[in-house]
Amino acid sequence: MTKQERVTFVINTLNELYPTIPIPLDHKDPYTLLIAVLLSAQCTDVRVNQITPLLFAKADNPYDMVKLSVEEIKEIIRPCGLSPMKSKGIHGLSQILIEKHNGQVPQSFEYLEELPAVGHKTASVVMSQAFGVPAFPVDTHIHRLMYRWNLTNGKNVVQTEKDAKRIFPEELWNDLHLQIIWYGREYSPARGWDLEKDIITRTIGRKSVLNEFIKK
């Protein structure tokens, strides 16, 4: 297969498997999504979805969030890990949203990435899922699969994002990044991977990856 044929195969397979795409993190507006994505760093979405209702019951907007102390936030989100950094980030960004953005989450990569504890990936998820702006947030699943599928050299997530944006049509980015995440979890995980179930890697996978699997 040519590279373009491989890309088409990926798109078609993912559309067949995920005609409707569930959103991994429960939220009701851009602010609750921003907080959920921030909490998801080095934490499973399942765990985040268990913790956010407890946090949002006390504060689901920046005005109520700043009334909580950093310590109170930290206690609630402790099960998500990295709670000292995340609680400071949540309190700090809520303060900035009030002071600089009228309590609203800004619809801009630049402003989002200025917020404490918000990196490029978090900003990309918010822009994509909250505002529908084309973005391609690369998490560990996407990074791993793009390498397995021989669509990037796997050097780092920055390179993987560039490659994904170059080879996939822009109007598909917002759906595709979610479809790839779900596919990675269900069919192509890092651990307990069964190539028989993983039709995409089995069909277009990088030779070294396939050989490595066969050796095992």
C-alpha atoms as a PDB file:
ATOM      1  CA  MET A   1       0.000   0.000   0.000  1.00  0.00           C
ATOM      2  CA  THR A   2       1.088   3.556  -0.666  1.00  0.00           C
ATOM      3  CA  LYS A   3       1.076   5.983   2.264  1.00  0.00           C
ATOM      4  CA  GLN A   4      -2.136   7.585   0.966  1.00  0.00           C
ATOM      5  CA  GLU A   5      -3.817   4.164   0.737  1.00  0.00           C
ATOM      6  CA  ARG A   6      -2.757   3.420   4.315  1.00  0.00           C
ATOM      7  CA  VAL A   7      -4.192   6.743   5.511  1.00  0.00           C
ATOM      8  CA  THR A   8      -7.479   6.023   3.694  1.00  0.00           C
ATOM      9  CA  PHE A   9      -7.577   2.531   5.217  1.00  0.00           C
ATOM     10  CA  VAL A  10      -7.132   4.001   8.726  1.00  0.00           C
ATOM     11  CA  ILE A  11      -9.905   6.597   8.184  1.00  0.00           C
ATOM     12  CA  ASN A  12     -12.359   4.072   6.711  1.00  0.00           C
ATOM     13  CA  THR A  13     -11.701   1.430   9.378  1.00  0.00           C
ATOM     14  CA  LEU A  14     -12.117   3.922  12.224  1.00  0.00           C
ATOM     15  CA  ASN A  15     -15.358   5.268  10.717  1.00  0.00           C
ATOM     16  CA  GLU A  16     -16.743   1.729  10.500  1.00  0.00           C
ATOM     17  CA  LEU A  17     -15.787   0.963  14.125  1.00  0.00           C
ATOM     18  CA  TYR A  18     -16.778   4.351  15.583  1.00  0.00           C
ATOM     19  CA  PRO A  19     -19.572   5.924  13.505  1.00  0.00           C
ATOM     20  CA  THR A  20     -20.589   7.842  16.631  1.00  0.00           C
ATOM     21  CA  ILE A  21     -17.745   8.862  18.886  1.00  0.00           C
ATOM     22  CA  PRO A  22     -18.148   9.009  22.664  1.00  0.00           C
ATOM     23  CA  ILE A  23     -16.358  11.884  24.419  1.00  0.00           C
ATOM     24  CA  PRO A  24     -14.002  10.309  27.013  1.00  0.00           C
ATOM     25  CA  LEU A  25     -14.270  12.992  29.729  1.00  0.00           C
ATOM     26  CA  ASP A  26     -17.627  13.968  31.239  1.00  0.00           C
ATOM     27  CA  HIS A  27     -18.240  17.716  31.142  1.00  0.00           C
ATOM     28  CA  LYS A  28     -21.025  20.227  30.534  1.00  0.00           C
ATOM     29  CA  ASP A  29     -19.187  23.313  29.261  1.00  0.00           C
ATOM     30  CA  PRO A  30     -15.689  24.562  28.294  1.00  0.00           C
ATOM     31  CA  TYR A  31     -14.688  25.218  31.924  1.00  0.00           C
ATOM     32  CA  THR A  32     -15.577  21.755  33.236  1.00  0.00           C
ATOM     33  CA  LEU A  33     -13.861  20.216  30.191  1.00  0.00           C
ATOM     34  CA  LEU A  34     -10.703  22.269  30.848  1.00  0.00           C
ATOM     35  CA  ILE A  35     -10.591  21.079  34.476  1.00  0.00           C
ATOM     36  CA  ALA A  36     -11.260  17.450  33.482  1.00  0.00           C
ATOM     37  CA  VAL A  37      -8.499  17.472  30.855  1.00  0.00           C
ATOM     38  CA  LEU A  38      -6.053  19.027  33.318  1.00  0.00           C
ATOM     39  CA  LEU A  39      -6.887  16.266  35.833  1.00  0.00           C
ATOM     40  CA  SER A  40      -6.415  13.542  33.205  1.00  0.00           C
ATOM     41  CA  ALA A  41      -2.614  14.028  33.049  1.00  0.00           C
ATOM     42  CA  GLN A  42      -1.125  10.670  34.157  1.00  0.00           C
ATOM     43  CA  CYS A  43      -4.586   9.551  35.288  1.00  0.00           C
ATOM     44  CA  THR A  44      -7.215   7.400  33.563  1.00  0.00           C
ATOM     45  CA  ASP A  45     -10.356   9.027  32.171  1.00  0.00           C
ATOM     46  CA  VAL A  46     -12.422   6.562  34.223  1.00  0.00           C
ATOM     47  CA  ARG A  47     -10.834   7.851  37.434  1.00  0.00           C
ATOM     48  CA  VAL A  48     -11.255  11.478  36.358  1.00  0.00           C
ATOM     49  CA  ASN A  49     -14.955  10.869  35.664  1.00  0.00           C
ATOM     50  CA  GLN A  50     -15.314   9.515  39.215  1.00  0.00           C
ATOM     51  CA  ILE A  51     -13.625  12.567  40.778  1.00  0.00           C
ATOM     52  CA  THR A  52     -15.006  15.493  38.744  1.00  0.00           C
ATOM     53  CA  PRO A  53     -18.605  15.130  40.045  1.00  0.00           C
ATOM     54  CA  LEU A  54     -17.260  15.519  43.612  1.00  0.00           C
ATOM     55  CA  LEU A  55     -15.289  18.620  42.647  1.00  0.00           C
ATOM     56  CA  PHE A  56     -18.017  20.152  40.476  1.00  0.00           C
ATOM     57  CA  ALA A  57     -20.614  19.643  43.214  1.00  0.00           C
ATOM     58  CA  LYS A  58     -18.637  22.259  45.157  1.00  0.00           C
ATOM     59  CA  ALA A  59     -17.432  24.371  42.231  1.00  0.00           C
ATOM     60  CA  ASP A  60     -18.256  24.027  38.537  1.00  0.00           C
ATOM     61  CA  ASN A  61     -17.223  27.557  37.521  1.00  0.00           C
ATOM     62  CA  PRO A  62     -14.200  29.768  38.218  1.00  0.00           C
ATOM     63  CA  TYR A  63     -16.059  32.062  40.659  1.00  0.00           C
ATOM     64  CA  ASP A  64     -16.929  29.175  42.983  1.00  0.00           C
ATOM     65  CA  MET A  65     -13.573  27.454  42.433  1.00  0.00           C
ATOM     66  CA  VAL A  66     -11.559  30.396  43.792  1.00  0.00           C
ATOM     67  CA  LYS A  67     -13.671  30.316  46.967  1.00  0.00           C
ATOM     68  CA  LEU A  68     -12.141  26.899  47.686  1.00  0.00           C
ATOM     69  CA  SER A  69      -8.595  26.833  49.028  1.00  0.00           C
ATOM     70  CA  VAL A  70      -5.839  25.054  47.084  1.00  0.00           C
ATOM     71  CA  GLU A  71      -5.757  22.578  49.979  1.00  0.00           C
ATOM     72  CA  GLU A  72      -9.492  21.815  49.659  1.00  0.00           C
ATOM     73  CA  ILE A  73      -9.146  21.237  45.910  1.00  0.00           C
ATOM     74  CA  LYS A  74      -6.099  19.040  46.521  1.00  0.00           C
ATOM     75  CA  GLU A  75      -8.002  16.796  48.948  1.00  0.00           C
ATOM     76  CA  ILE A  76     -10.828  16.207  46.462  1.00  0.00           C
ATOM     77  CA  ILE A  77      -8.593  15.482  43.456  1.00  0.00           C
ATOM     78  CA  ARG A  78      -5.936  13.476  45.321  1.00  0.00           C
ATOM     79  CA  PRO A  79      -6.941  10.135  43.674  1.00  0.00           C
ATOM     80  CA  CYS A  80      -6.048  11.608  40.250  1.00  0.00           C
ATOM     81  CA  GLY A  81      -2.360  11.950  41.187  1.00  0.00           C
ATOM     82  CA  LEU A  82      -0.086  15.016  40.943  1.00  0.00           C
ATOM     83  CA  SER A  83      -2.620  16.757  43.203  1.00  0.00           C
ATOM     84  CA  PRO A  84      -0.278  19.489  44.562  1.00  0.00           C
ATOM     85  CA  MET A  85       0.494  20.762  41.051  1.00  0.00           C
ATOM     86  CA  LYS A  86      -3.009  20.230  39.670  1.00  0.00           C
ATOM     87  CA  SER A  87      -4.771  21.932  42.602  1.00  0.00           C
ATOM     88  CA  LYS A  88      -2.534  25.014  42.275  1.00  0.00           C
ATOM     89  CA  GLY A  89      -3.169  25.007  38.528  1.00  0.00           C
ATOM     90  CA  ILE A  90      -6.952  24.761  38.910  1.00  0.00           C
ATOM     91  CA  HIS A  91      -7.084  27.554  41.505  1.00  0.00           C
ATOM     92  CA  GLY A  92      -4.625  29.743  39.585  1.00  0.00           C
ATOM     93  CA  LEU A  93      -6.261  29.390  36.174  1.00  0.00           C
ATOM     94  CA  SER A  94      -9.704  30.059  37.690  1.00  0.00           C
ATOM     95  CA  GLN A  95      -8.353  33.322  39.133  1.00  0.00           C
ATOM     96  CA  ILE A  96      -6.901  34.318  35.743  1.00  0.00           C
ATOM     97  CA  LEU A  97     -10.157  33.473  33.915  1.00  0.00           C
ATOM     98  CA  ILE A  98     -11.984  35.860  36.267  1.00  0.00           C
ATOM     99  CA  GLU A  99      -9.371  38.631  36.051  1.00  0.00           C
ATOM    100  CA  LYS A 100      -8.596  38.511  32.337  1.00  0.00           C
ATOM    101  CA  HIS A 101     -11.428  36.692  30.559  1.00  0.00           C
ATOM    102  CA  ASN A 102     -14.678  37.619  32.387  1.00  0.00           C
ATOM    103  CA  GLY A 103     -14.825  34.137  33.871  1.00  0.00           C
ATOM    104  CA  GLN A 104     -14.965  32.530  30.419  1.00  0.00           C
ATOM    105  CA  VAL A 105     -12.574  29.970  28.918  1.00  0.00           C
ATOM    106  CA  PRO A 106     -10.806  31.780  26.053  1.00  0.00           C
ATOM    107  CA  GLN A 107     -11.252  30.383  22.556  1.00  0.00           C
ATOM    108  CA  SER A 108      -7.572  30.727  21.675  1.00  0.00           C
ATOM    109  CA  PHE A 109      -4.552  28.427  21.824  1.00  0.00           C
ATOM    110  CA  GLU A 110      -2.376  31.345  22.876  1.00  0.00           C
ATOM    111  CA  TYR A 111      -4.523  32.399  25.857  1.00  0.00           C
ATOM    112  CA  LEU A 112      -5.205  28.811  26.939  1.00  0.00           C
ATOM    113  CA  GLU A 113      -1.502  27.927  26.951  1.00  0.00           C
ATOM    114  CA  GLU A 114      -0.796  30.980  29.139  1.00  0.00           C
ATOM    115  CA  LEU A 115      -2.929  29.453  31.913  1.00  0.00           C
ATOM    116  CA  PRO A 116      -1.111  27.590  34.709  1.00  0.00           C
ATOM    117  CA  ALA A 117      -0.913  23.789  34.282  1.00  0.00           C
ATOM    118  CA  VAL A 118      -2.300  24.059  30.724  1.00  0.00           C
ATOM    119  CA  GLY A 119       0.026  22.737  28.029  1.00  0.00           C
ATOM    120  CA  HIS A 120      -0.432  22.432  24.287  1.00  0.00           C
ATOM    121  CA  LYS A 121      -2.233  19.082  24.481  1.00  0.00           C
ATOM    122  CA  THR A 122      -4.779  20.326  27.041  1.00  0.00           C
ATOM    123  CA  ALA A 123      -5.355  23.480  24.977  1.00  0.00           C
ATOM    124  CA  SER A 124      -5.835  21.354  21.844  1.00  0.00           C
ATOM    125  CA  VAL A 125      -8.450  19.128  23.519  1.00  0.00           C
ATOM    126  CA  VAL A 126     -10.399  22.174  24.731  1.00  0.00           C
ATOM    127  CA  MET A 127     -10.220  23.938  21.354  1.00  0.00           C
ATOM    128  CA  SER A 128     -11.313  20.765  19.577  1.00  0.00           C
ATOM    129  CA  GLN A 129     -14.019  19.406  21.894  1.00  0.00           C
ATOM    130  CA  ALA A 130     -15.388  22.598  23.456  1.00  0.00           C
ATOM    131  CA  PHE A 131     -15.152  24.968  20.480  1.00  0.00           C
ATOM    132  CA  GLY A 132     -14.993  22.688  17.420  1.00  0.00           C
ATOM    133  CA  VAL A 133     -11.741  24.275  16.210  1.00  0.00           C
ATOM    134  CA  PRO A 134      -9.642  21.753  14.209  1.00  0.00           C
ATOM    135  CA  ALA A 135      -6.846  20.395  16.439  1.00  0.00           C
ATOM    136  CA  PHE A 136      -5.009  17.117  16.821  1.00  0.00           C
ATOM    137  CA  PRO A 137      -4.142  16.557  20.495  1.00  0.00           C
ATOM    138  CA  VAL A 138      -1.596  13.732  20.695  1.00  0.00           C
ATOM    139  CA  ASP A 139      -1.715  11.525  23.780  1.00  0.00           C
ATOM    140  CA  THR A 140       0.213   8.302  24.448  1.00  0.00           C
ATOM    141  CA  HIS A 141      -2.347   6.196  22.533  1.00  0.00           C
ATOM    142  CA  ILE A 142      -2.113   8.326  19.377  1.00  0.00           C
ATOM    143  CA  HIS A 143       1.682   8.542  19.652  1.00  0.00           C
ATOM    144  CA  ARG A 144       1.950   4.739  19.961  1.00  0.00           C
ATOM    145  CA  LEU A 145      -0.492   3.967  17.144  1.00  0.00           C
ATOM    146  CA  MET A 146       0.910   6.474  14.664  1.00  0.00           C
ATOM    147  CA  TYR A 147       4.293   4.784  15.165  1.00  0.00           C
ATOM    148  CA  ARG A 148       2.867   1.254  14.911  1.00  0.00           C
ATOM    149  CA  TRP A 149       1.078   2.263  11.711  1.00  0.00           C
ATOM    150  CA  ASN A 150       4.307   3.677  10.250  1.00  0.00           C
ATOM    151  CA  LEU A 151       2.772   7.144   9.876  1.00  0.00           C
ATOM    152  CA  THR A 152       5.394   8.899  12.032  1.00  0.00           C
ATOM    153  CA  ASN A 153       8.957   8.174  13.161  1.00  0.00           C
ATOM    154  CA  GLY A 154       7.855   8.150  16.811  1.00  0.00           C
ATOM    155  CA  LYS A 155      10.553  10.642  17.821  1.00  0.00           C
ATOM    156  CA  ASN A 156       8.271  12.675  20.091  1.00  0.00           C
ATOM    157  CA  VAL A 157       4.661  13.852  20.408  1.00  0.00           C
ATOM    158  CA  VAL A 158       5.451  17.179  18.715  1.00  0.00           C
ATOM    159  CA  GLN A 159       6.623  15.351  15.581  1.00  0.00           C
ATOM    160  CA  THR A 160       3.668  12.950  15.751  1.00  0.00           C
ATOM    161  CA  GLU A 161       1.225  15.884  15.861  1.00  0.00           C
ATOM    162  CA  LYS A 162       2.919  17.517  12.854  1.00  0.00           C
ATOM    163  CA  ASP A 163       2.759  14.258  10.895  1.00  0.00           C
ATOM    164  CA  ALA A 164      -0.890  13.626  11.823  1.00  0.00           C
ATOM    165  CA  LYS A 165      -1.870  17.138  10.720  1.00  0.00           C
ATOM    166  CA  ARG A 166       0.030  16.731   7.471  1.00  0.00           C
ATOM    167  CA  ILE A 167      -1.436  13.373   6.415  1.00  0.00           C
ATOM    168  CA  PHE A 168      -5.037  13.577   7.668  1.00  0.00           C
ATOM    169  CA  PRO A 169      -7.578  16.058   6.208  1.00  0.00           C
ATOM    170  CA  GLU A 170      -8.155  18.977   8.584  1.00  0.00           C
ATOM    171  CA  GLU A 171     -11.941  18.519   8.633  1.00  0.00           C
ATOM    172  CA  LEU A 172     -11.416  15.027  10.133  1.00  0.00           C
ATOM    173  CA  TRP A 173      -8.918  15.945  12.883  1.00  0.00           C
ATOM    174  CA  ASN A 174     -11.453  16.408  15.693  1.00  0.00           C
ATOM    175  CA  ASP A 175     -13.142  13.056  15.057  1.00  0.00           C
ATOM    176  CA  LEU A 176      -9.977  11.155  14.199  1.00  0.00           C
ATOM    177  CA  HIS A 177      -8.013  11.960  17.328  1.00  0.00           C
ATOM    178  CA  LEU A 178     -10.869  10.573  19.444  1.00  0.00           C
ATOM    179  CA  GLN A 179     -11.384   7.549  17.180  1.00  0.00           C
ATOM    180  CA  ILE A 180      -7.676   6.690  17.416  1.00  0.00           C
ATOM    181  CA  ILE A 181      -7.760   6.988  21.233  1.00  0.00           C
ATOM    182  CA  TRP A 182     -10.719   4.582  21.459  1.00  0.00           C
ATOM    183  CA  TYR A 183      -9.105   2.214  18.963  1.00  0.00           C
ATOM    184  CA  GLY A 184      -5.836   2.254  20.924  1.00  0.00           C
ATOM    185  CA  ARG A 185      -7.621   1.376  24.154  1.00  0.00           C
ATOM    186  CA  GLU A 186      -9.758  -1.379  22.663  1.00  0.00           C
ATOM    187  CA  TYR A 187      -7.594  -2.971  19.974  1.00  0.00           C
ATOM    188  CA  SER A 188      -4.012  -1.760  20.227  1.00  0.00           C
ATOM    189  CA  PRO A 189      -3.022  -1.208  23.879  1.00  0.00           C
ATOM    190  CA  ALA A 190       0.560  -0.867  25.110  1.00  0.00           C
ATOM    191  CA  ARG A 191       0.175  -3.930  27.357  1.00  0.00           C
ATOM    192  CA  GLY A 192      -1.756  -7.104  26.622  1.00  0.00           C
ATOM    193  CA  TRP A 193      -1.765  -6.308  22.904  1.00  0.00           C
ATOM    194  CA  ASP A 194      -3.240  -8.972  20.604  1.00  0.00           C
ATOM    195  CA  LEU A 195      -2.268  -8.394  16.976  1.00  0.00           C
ATOM    196  CA  GLU A 196      -5.083 -10.702  15.811  1.00  0.00           C
ATOM    197  CA  LYS A 197      -7.666  -8.197  17.064  1.00  0.00           C
ATOM    198  CA  ASP A 198      -5.735  -5.170  15.799  1.00  0.00           C
ATOM    199  CA  ILE A 199      -6.806  -5.070  12.142  1.00  0.00           C
ATOM    200  CA  ILE A 200      -5.151  -1.734  11.352  1.00  0.00           C
ATOM    201  CA  THR A 201      -1.675  -2.633  12.651  1.00  0.00           C
ATOM    202  CA  ARG A 202      -1.998  -6.134  11.195  1.00  0.00           C
ATOM    203  CA  THR A 203      -2.769  -4.657   7.767  1.00  0.00           C
ATOM    204  CA  ILE A 204      -0.466  -1.614   7.547  1.00  0.00           C
ATOM    205  CA  GLY A 205       1.862  -1.930  10.563  1.00  0.00           C
ATOM    206  CA  ARG A 206       5.536  -1.029  10.588  1.00  0.00           C
ATOM    207  CA  LYS A 207       7.552  -4.152   9.728  1.00  0.00           C
ATOM    208  CA  SER A 208       9.828  -3.874  12.780  1.00  0.00           C
ATOM    209  CA  VAL A 209       6.756  -3.665  15.068  1.00  0.00           C
ATOM    210  CA  LEU A 210       5.152  -6.721  13.450  1.00  0.00           C
ATOM    211  CA  ASN A 211       8.413  -8.699  13.604  1.00  0.00           C
ATOM    212  CA  GLU A 212       8.866  -7.760  17.264  1.00  0.00           C
ATOM    213  CA  PHE A 213       5.350  -9.028  18.041  1.00  0.00           C
ATOM    214  CA  ILE A 214       5.922 -12.284  16.144  1.00  0.00           C
ATOM    215  CA  LYS A 215       9.199 -12.892  18.048  1.00  0.00           C
ATOM    216  CA  LYS A 216       7.347 -12.615  21.351  1.00  0.00           C
END
